[in-house]
Amino acid sequence: MGLGGISVWQLLIILLIVVLVFGTKRLKSIGTDLGGAVKGFRKAMDEGEKEGDKKKIPAGEAEKPDAKFEEQTEAKDTSKQA
């Protein structure tokens, strides 16, 4: 038993058919293109993570409420008291 009920012999036959249909040169170029795409994707992900780290809010600022929010809550409190 191989992958999902496919034996090793069946996989080899499929590989042989793919090589016959596409040829080794074309498969090599497809592999090179695919590898370059994966490398570019990883590089973009790493750059995105670095950029995301720069945009994080410092811990002290995250705890400070917004001034407009304070004004709104004060206005609601004064209207309830009246």
Protein backbone atom coordinates (compact mmCIF):
# COMPACT_ATOMS: atom_id res chain seq x y z
CA MET A 1 0.00 0.00 0.00
CA GLY A 2 1.23 3.45 -0.88
CA LEU A 3 -0.50 6.80 -0.67
CA GLY A 4 -4.26 6.51 -0.34
CA GLY A 5 -4.41 3.00 -1.80
CA ILE A 6 -2.01 3.71 -4.69
CA SER A 7 0.94 1.33 -4.80
CA VAL A 8 4.53 2.25 -5.60
CA TRP A 9 4.26 0.60 -9.03
CA GLN A 10 1.25 2.70 -9.94
CA LEU A 11 3.10 5.86 -8.90
CA LEU A 12 6.08 4.87 -11.07
CA ILE A 13 3.81 4.28 -14.06
CA ILE A 14 2.16 7.69 -13.58
CA LEU A 15 5.61 9.32 -13.33
CA LEU A 16 6.70 7.60 -16.54
CA ILE A 17 3.59 8.81 -18.39
CA VAL A 18 4.13 12.39 -17.15
CA VAL A 19 7.76 12.31 -18.33
CA LEU A 20 6.72 10.97 -21.73
CA VAL A 21 4.00 13.60 -22.17
CA PHE A 22 5.89 16.68 -20.97
CA GLY A 23 9.54 15.73 -21.47
CA THR A 24 12.40 16.22 -19.03
CA LYS A 25 13.32 19.74 -20.17
CA ARG A 26 9.81 21.05 -19.67
CA LEU A 27 9.49 19.34 -16.26
CA LYS A 28 12.81 20.90 -15.22
CA SER A 29 11.61 24.38 -16.20
CA ILE A 30 8.30 23.84 -14.41
CA GLY A 31 10.18 22.76 -11.27
CA THR A 32 12.47 25.78 -11.46
CA ASP A 33 9.52 28.15 -11.89
CA LEU A 34 7.65 26.53 -9.02
CA GLY A 35 10.71 26.74 -6.75
CA GLY A 36 11.17 30.43 -7.59
CA ALA A 37 7.54 31.12 -6.84
CA VAL A 38 7.76 29.41 -3.44
CA LYS A 39 10.96 31.32 -2.63
CA GLY A 40 9.31 34.63 -3.57
CA PHE A 41 6.27 33.79 -1.47
CA ARG A 42 8.39 33.01 1.58
CA LYS A 43 10.36 36.24 1.15
CA ALA A 44 7.14 38.26 0.94
CA MET A 45 5.78 36.55 4.06
CA ASP A 46 8.98 37.34 6.00
CA GLU A 47 8.87 40.99 4.89
CA GLY A 48 5.21 41.19 5.87
CA GLU A 49 5.96 39.87 9.34
CA LYS A 50 8.81 42.37 9.80
CA GLU A 51 6.53 45.20 8.65
CA GLY A 52 3.79 44.02 11.00
CA ASP A 53 6.19 44.07 13.95
CA LYS A 54 7.00 47.72 13.24
CA LYS A 55 3.32 48.69 13.32
CA LYS A 56 2.55 47.08 16.68
CA ILE A 57 1.32 49.43 19.41
CA PRO A 58 3.63 49.66 22.44
CA ALA A 59 2.20 48.10 25.59
CA GLY A 60 1.85 51.41 27.47
CA GLU A 61 -0.15 53.05 24.68
CA ALA A 62 -2.56 50.14 24.30
CA GLU A 63 -3.82 50.66 27.84
CA LYS A 64 -4.51 54.40 27.41
CA PRO A 65 -8.11 55.13 26.42
CA ASP A 66 -8.83 57.46 23.54
CA ALA A 67 -9.55 61.10 24.45
CA LYS A 68 -12.75 61.17 22.39
CA PHE A 69 -13.96 58.04 24.15
CA GLU A 70 -13.39 59.72 27.54
CA GLU A 71 -15.36 62.79 26.43
CA GLN A 72 -18.26 60.65 25.24
CA THR A 73 -18.45 58.66 28.47
CA GLU A 74 -18.27 61.86 30.55
CA ALA A 75 -21.10 63.39 28.50
CA LYS A 76 -23.26 60.30 29.04
CA ASP A 77 -22.56 60.33 32.78
CA THR A 78 -23.56 63.99 33.11
CA SER A 79 -26.78 63.42 31.16
CA LYS A 80 -27.74 60.54 33.43
CA GLN A 81 -27.20 62.65 36.55
CA ALA A 82 -29.48 65.45 35.34
